Amino acid sequence: MTDFDNLIYEKPEAGIARIWLNRPEARNAQDTHLLYELNDAFDIAMGDSEVKVVILAAKGPHFSAGHDLRDIDRRGSEHKRVGTWSDDKWEGSEAYYCREKEIYEGFCRRWRDLAKPTIASVHGKSIAGGLMLIWPCDFVIASDDATFQDNTMYMGIPGVEYFAHVWELGIRKAKEFLLTGQPITAEEAQAAGMVNRVVTRDELEEETLAFARTLSDKPSFALKLGKDAINAAFHAQGFENVQRSAFNAHHLAHTHYRLHQDGSFIDREFMRNFQSKKKSD
């Protein structure tokens, strides 16, 4: 078993690798170091000829609370860059754009097109950046207590960095999901096509393994070719152009608040007013 600081990597059965997010004390919030480790873990699975399918699961009460907003890249920025947009200085708006192009958008694009099938095994809350770990996966098995939320609208940001909302939920449900910022249940997500199966919390681990077995008993090369063919249809639907536009809009919002709200990356004035209103209500 490979050792990580924020993950557990294991092979529970022949043909199956499983990666656990393992920051339960932080509700599996993603700092930069965790994301680089996750990318490394996927690379290990892709390079292991015995592995046919990869499960992404999480320890603790929730799948992921999203980005760790306390993270200032002290450790993660020392990691060898994976993409070509990275900036060694990590200063200013340009470096901030490059950082998110690497660890958020870049990693999600890369994980979407991993050669081997991937399964997200989801329970509890998946908020904002948590969606960006789920959506690149090929399959989603969720417990009946799972909820999904993109709450970035409350921060004045028009969606998470990996903008797959329309493909995951359909146009009208995607608008409701993004513009209201309200969570949806596992059953709602399944009805919209975002989740493959909903099971009880107690059954989640075993049901995910059972589903993985239905893949691992197939020829590895055929699995790769079939996945790639379906992903080609996904890309042909215009995802690349939408993603570029949405990512730039995301950073336009960040830059706007940095200029007009004393360097803040989000709309702190709205958040303060909103939180005050909630307390008074």
Protein backbone atom coordinates (compact mmCIF):
# COMPACT_ATOMS: atom_id res chain seq x y z
CA MET A 1 0.00 0.00 0.00
CA THR A 2 1.32 3.44 -0.96
CA ASP A 3 1.53 5.97 1.88
CA PHE A 4 -0.03 9.42 1.54
CA ASP A 5 -0.65 12.21 4.04
CA ASN A 6 -4.28 12.86 3.11
CA LEU A 7 -5.33 9.67 1.32
CA ILE A 8 -5.44 5.93 1.77
CA TYR A 9 -4.59 3.89 -1.33
CA GLU A 10 -5.44 0.20 -1.35
CA LYS A 11 -6.42 -2.71 -3.55
CA PRO A 12 -9.33 -4.40 -1.74
CA GLU A 13 -9.84 -7.04 -4.42
CA ALA A 14 -8.26 -8.27 -7.61
CA GLY A 15 -8.65 -5.72 -10.38
CA ILE A 16 -9.90 -2.93 -8.09
CA ALA A 17 -8.03 0.02 -6.57
CA ARG A 18 -9.66 2.23 -3.95
CA ILE A 19 -8.61 5.72 -2.93
CA TRP A 20 -9.99 7.13 0.34
CA LEU A 21 -10.04 10.86 1.03
CA ASN A 22 -8.68 10.90 4.57
CA ARG A 23 -9.05 14.35 6.14
CA PRO A 24 -12.17 13.62 8.23
CA GLU A 25 -11.27 16.31 10.77
CA ALA A 26 -11.59 18.87 7.94
CA ARG A 27 -14.59 17.13 6.34
CA ASN A 28 -12.21 16.14 3.55
CA ALA A 29 -11.77 19.74 2.43
CA GLN A 30 -9.22 19.85 -0.36
CA ASP A 31 -5.99 21.68 0.21
CA THR A 32 -3.41 21.86 -2.56
CA HIS A 33 -1.38 18.99 -1.14
CA LEU A 34 -4.39 16.65 -1.10
CA LEU A 35 -5.15 17.39 -4.75
CA TYR A 36 -1.60 16.67 -5.87
CA GLU A 37 -1.67 13.47 -3.83
CA LEU A 38 -4.96 12.47 -5.43
CA ASN A 39 -3.49 13.05 -8.87
CA ASP A 40 -0.50 10.89 -7.90
CA ALA A 41 -2.82 8.17 -6.60
CA PHE A 42 -4.74 8.09 -9.87
CA ASP A 43 -1.43 7.84 -11.72
CA ILE A 44 -0.43 4.84 -9.60
CA ALA A 45 -3.71 3.11 -10.45
CA MET A 46 -3.38 3.93 -14.14
CA GLY A 47 0.14 2.49 -14.19
CA ASP A 48 -0.79 -0.74 -12.41
CA SER A 49 -1.63 -3.41 -14.97
CA GLU A 50 -3.54 -5.38 -12.33
CA VAL A 51 -6.02 -2.54 -11.76
CA LYS A 52 -9.02 -2.32 -14.07
CA VAL A 53 -11.27 0.07 -12.12
CA VAL A 54 -10.73 2.74 -9.45
CA ILE A 55 -13.06 3.70 -6.58
CA LEU A 56 -12.89 7.14 -4.97
CA ALA A 57 -14.43 7.14 -1.48
CA ALA A 58 -14.11 9.17 1.72
CA LYS A 59 -13.53 8.63 5.42
CA GLY A 60 -15.57 10.49 8.02
CA PRO A 61 -19.15 11.80 8.00
CA HIS A 62 -18.96 13.66 4.68
CA PHE A 63 -17.50 13.07 1.24
CA SER A 64 -16.03 16.57 0.89
CA ALA A 65 -16.76 20.08 2.12
CA GLY A 66 -15.04 21.51 -0.96
CA HIS A 67 -11.91 23.61 -1.22
CA ASP A 68 -9.97 24.28 1.96
CA LEU A 69 -10.19 28.09 1.97
CA ARG A 70 -7.48 28.26 4.63
CA ASP A 71 -4.95 26.77 2.25
CA ILE A 72 -2.17 29.14 1.13
CA ASP A 73 -0.20 26.57 -0.89
CA ARG A 74 2.74 26.43 1.47
CA ARG A 75 3.29 22.73 0.86
CA GLY A 76 1.35 21.97 -2.27
CA SER A 77 3.11 24.65 -4.29
CA GLU A 78 6.37 22.74 -3.83
CA HIS A 79 4.93 19.81 -5.78
CA LYS A 80 6.15 19.24 -9.32
CA ARG A 81 3.67 20.88 -11.70
CA VAL A 82 1.56 18.64 -13.89
CA GLY A 83 0.24 21.14 -16.45
CA THR A 84 1.80 24.02 -18.36
CA TRP A 85 -0.18 26.92 -16.85
CA SER A 86 1.55 26.83 -13.48
CA ASP A 87 3.41 29.83 -12.13
CA ASP A 88 6.40 29.39 -9.83
CA LYS A 89 5.91 32.67 -7.97
CA TRP A 90 2.29 32.10 -6.93
CA GLU A 91 1.69 35.83 -6.65
CA GLY A 92 -0.93 38.17 -8.07
CA SER A 93 -3.99 37.49 -10.23
CA GLU A 94 -2.00 35.78 -12.96
CA ALA A 95 -0.52 33.25 -10.55
CA TYR A 96 -3.91 32.70 -8.89
CA TYR A 97 -5.42 31.97 -12.31
CA CYS A 98 -2.55 29.61 -13.14
CA ARG A 99 -2.88 27.83 -9.79
CA GLU A 100 -6.58 27.11 -10.32
CA LYS A 101 -5.96 26.21 -13.95
CA GLU A 102 -3.59 23.54 -12.65
CA ILE A 103 -5.12 22.07 -9.50
CA TYR A 104 -8.83 22.56 -10.18
CA GLU A 105 -9.71 22.78 -13.85
CA GLY A 106 -6.62 20.98 -15.10
CA PHE A 107 -6.84 18.05 -12.71
CA CYS A 108 -10.58 17.62 -13.30
CA ARG A 109 -10.12 17.54 -17.07
CA ARG A 110 -7.31 15.03 -16.64
CA TRP A 111 -9.30 12.82 -14.29
CA ARG A 112 -12.31 12.88 -16.62
CA ASP A 113 -10.18 11.30 -19.32
CA LEU A 114 -8.29 8.74 -17.24
CA ALA A 115 -8.01 5.55 -19.26
CA LYS A 116 -9.62 3.27 -16.68
CA PRO A 117 -13.19 3.52 -15.34
CA THR A 118 -13.62 5.40 -12.06
CA ILE A 119 -16.43 5.23 -9.50
CA ALA A 120 -17.25 7.90 -6.91
CA SER A 121 -18.68 6.35 -3.73
CA VAL A 122 -20.42 9.26 -2.04
CA HIS A 123 -22.02 9.83 1.36
CA GLY A 124 -22.92 12.85 3.48
CA LYS A 125 -22.34 16.29 2.05
CA SER A 126 -20.54 17.14 -1.18
CA ILE A 127 -20.22 20.90 -1.41
CA ALA A 128 -18.82 23.03 -4.25
CA GLY A 129 -15.28 21.70 -4.79
CA GLY A 130 -16.52 18.31 -3.58
CA LEU A 131 -18.53 18.11 -6.80
CA MET A 132 -15.30 18.50 -8.73
CA LEU A 133 -14.06 15.19 -7.35
CA ILE A 134 -17.33 13.44 -8.21
CA TRP A 135 -18.14 14.79 -11.66
CA PRO A 136 -14.96 13.61 -13.42
CA CYS A 137 -15.74 10.04 -12.33
CA ASP A 138 -17.51 7.73 -14.75
CA PHE A 139 -20.02 6.39 -12.23
CA VAL A 140 -21.52 7.69 -8.98
CA ILE A 141 -22.90 5.43 -6.26
CA ALA A 142 -24.48 7.51 -3.48
CA SER A 143 -25.87 6.71 -0.07
CA ASP A 144 -29.41 7.83 0.65
CA ASP A 145 -28.12 10.47 3.08
CA ALA A 146 -25.95 12.14 0.42
CA THR A 147 -26.58 15.73 -0.63
CA PHE A 148 -24.93 17.80 -3.35
CA GLN A 149 -24.55 21.57 -3.43
CA ASP A 150 -22.77 24.28 -5.40
CA ASN A 151 -22.97 27.19 -2.96
CA THR A 152 -20.56 29.47 -4.82
CA MET A 153 -23.39 31.86 -5.75
CA TYR A 154 -23.50 32.93 -2.09
CA MET A 155 -19.87 33.99 -2.50
CA GLY A 156 -20.57 35.97 -5.65
CA ILE A 157 -18.91 33.34 -7.85
CA PRO A 158 -20.76 31.85 -10.87
CA GLY A 159 -20.04 28.18 -10.23
CA VAL A 160 -17.14 25.92 -9.33
CA GLU A 161 -14.04 25.83 -11.52
CA TYR A 162 -15.01 22.60 -13.28
CA PHE A 163 -18.28 23.62 -14.93
CA ALA A 164 -20.04 20.35 -15.73
CA HIS A 165 -23.43 21.34 -14.30
CA VAL A 166 -25.39 21.13 -17.56
CA TRP A 167 -23.99 17.72 -18.50
CA GLU A 168 -24.58 16.33 -15.04
CA LEU A 169 -28.09 17.70 -14.43
CA GLY A 170 -29.61 18.99 -17.67
CA ILE A 171 -30.21 22.66 -18.44
CA ARG A 172 -33.19 23.52 -16.24
CA LYS A 173 -32.07 21.55 -13.19
CA ALA A 174 -28.56 22.95 -13.62
CA LYS A 175 -29.92 26.50 -13.53
CA GLU A 176 -31.92 25.75 -10.39
CA PHE A 177 -28.94 24.03 -8.78
CA LEU A 178 -26.44 26.80 -9.56
CA LEU A 179 -28.52 29.97 -9.28
CA THR A 180 -30.35 29.07 -6.07
CA GLY A 181 -27.31 27.47 -4.44
CA GLN A 182 -29.62 24.99 -2.71
CA PRO A 183 -28.59 21.36 -2.09
CA ILE A 184 -30.21 18.41 -3.83
CA THR A 185 -30.71 14.91 -2.45
CA ALA A 186 -29.25 11.70 -3.81
CA GLU A 187 -32.67 10.79 -5.19
CA GLU A 188 -32.95 14.12 -7.02
CA ALA A 189 -29.45 13.69 -8.40
CA GLN A 190 -30.30 10.21 -9.61
CA ALA A 191 -33.48 11.44 -11.30
CA ALA A 192 -31.44 14.09 -13.12
CA GLY A 193 -28.89 11.51 -14.29
CA MET A 194 -25.98 12.60 -12.09
CA VAL A 195 -26.06 9.52 -9.84
CA ASN A 196 -26.20 5.92 -11.07
CA ARG A 197 -27.45 4.19 -7.95
CA VAL A 198 -28.70 5.14 -4.47
CA VAL A 199 -28.18 2.71 -1.59
CA THR A 200 -28.34 2.88 2.19
CA ARG A 201 -25.34 4.25 4.05
CA ASP A 202 -24.61 0.81 5.53
CA GLU A 203 -24.62 -0.76 2.06
CA LEU A 204 -22.52 1.88 0.31
CA GLU A 205 -19.08 0.30 0.59
CA GLU A 206 -20.18 -3.20 -0.41
CA GLU A 207 -22.55 -2.03 -3.16
CA THR A 208 -19.76 0.09 -4.66
CA LEU A 209 -17.42 -2.90 -4.62
CA ALA A 210 -20.13 -5.06 -6.17
CA PHE A 211 -20.58 -2.53 -8.96
CA ALA A 212 -16.80 -2.37 -9.45
CA ARG A 213 -16.76 -6.15 -9.89
CA THR A 214 -19.16 -5.85 -12.83
CA LEU A 215 -16.43 -3.81 -14.52
CA SER A 216 -13.32 -5.63 -13.32
CA ASP A 217 -14.50 -8.91 -14.88
CA LYS A 218 -14.34 -7.32 -18.34
CA PRO A 219 -11.27 -7.06 -20.62
CA SER A 220 -9.21 -4.02 -19.61
CA PHE A 221 -8.56 -2.80 -23.16
CA ALA A 222 -12.25 -2.99 -24.05
CA LEU A 223 -13.15 -0.97 -20.94
CA LYS A 224 -10.67 1.73 -21.94
CA LEU A 225 -11.91 1.89 -25.52
CA GLY A 226 -15.56 1.98 -24.50
CA LYS A 227 -14.99 4.75 -21.97
CA ASP A 228 -12.99 6.77 -24.48
CA ALA A 229 -15.73 6.47 -27.10
CA ILE A 230 -18.39 7.78 -24.72
CA ASN A 231 -16.10 10.57 -23.52
CA ALA A 232 -15.64 11.57 -27.16
CA ALA A 233 -19.40 12.13 -27.36
CA PHE A 234 -19.24 14.22 -24.18
CA HIS A 235 -16.52 16.44 -25.65
CA ALA A 236 -18.34 16.69 -28.99
CA GLN A 237 -21.31 18.27 -27.19
CA GLY A 238 -19.31 21.44 -26.63
CA PHE A 239 -17.99 20.91 -23.12
CA GLU A 240 -14.53 22.30 -23.90
CA ASN A 241 -15.81 25.68 -25.08
CA VAL A 242 -18.26 25.98 -22.20
CA GLN A 243 -15.56 25.05 -19.69
CA ARG A 244 -13.14 27.70 -20.97
CA SER A 245 -15.83 30.38 -20.88
CA ALA A 246 -17.06 29.41 -17.41
CA PHE A 247 -13.55 29.22 -15.95
CA ASN A 248 -12.77 32.70 -17.24
CA ALA A 249 -16.06 34.01 -15.81
CA HIS A 250 -15.14 32.42 -12.48
CA HIS A 251 -11.88 34.37 -12.45
CA LEU A 252 -13.50 37.57 -13.68
CA ALA A 253 -15.60 37.43 -10.51
CA HIS A 254 -12.53 36.78 -8.34
CA THR A 255 -10.68 39.72 -9.89
CA HIS A 256 -13.69 42.01 -9.54
CA TYR A 257 -13.87 41.43 -5.78
CA ARG A 258 -10.11 41.75 -5.38
CA LEU A 259 -10.31 45.19 -6.98
CA HIS A 260 -13.42 46.41 -5.19
CA GLN A 261 -13.41 44.63 -1.82
CA ASP A 262 -9.92 45.17 -0.44
CA GLY A 263 -8.29 42.13 -1.98
CA SER A 264 -10.99 39.60 -1.14
CA PHE A 265 -11.48 36.82 -3.69
CA ILE A 266 -15.22 36.60 -2.92
CA ASP A 267 -18.14 38.95 -2.26
CA ARG A 268 -17.60 39.32 1.48
CA GLU A 269 -20.07 42.20 1.75
CA PHE A 270 -22.90 40.02 0.46
CA MET A 271 -21.84 37.10 2.65
CA ARG A 272 -21.80 39.28 5.77
CA ASN A 273 -25.24 40.70 4.98
CA PHE A 274 -26.61 37.26 4.15
CA GLN A 275 -25.28 35.70 7.34
CA SER A 276 -26.61 38.59 9.42
CA LYS A 277 -30.03 38.18 7.83
CA LYS A 278 -30.02 34.44 8.55
CA LYS A 279 -29.22 35.09 12.21
CA SER A 280 -31.99 37.68 12.53
CA ASP A 281 -34.50 35.35 10.88
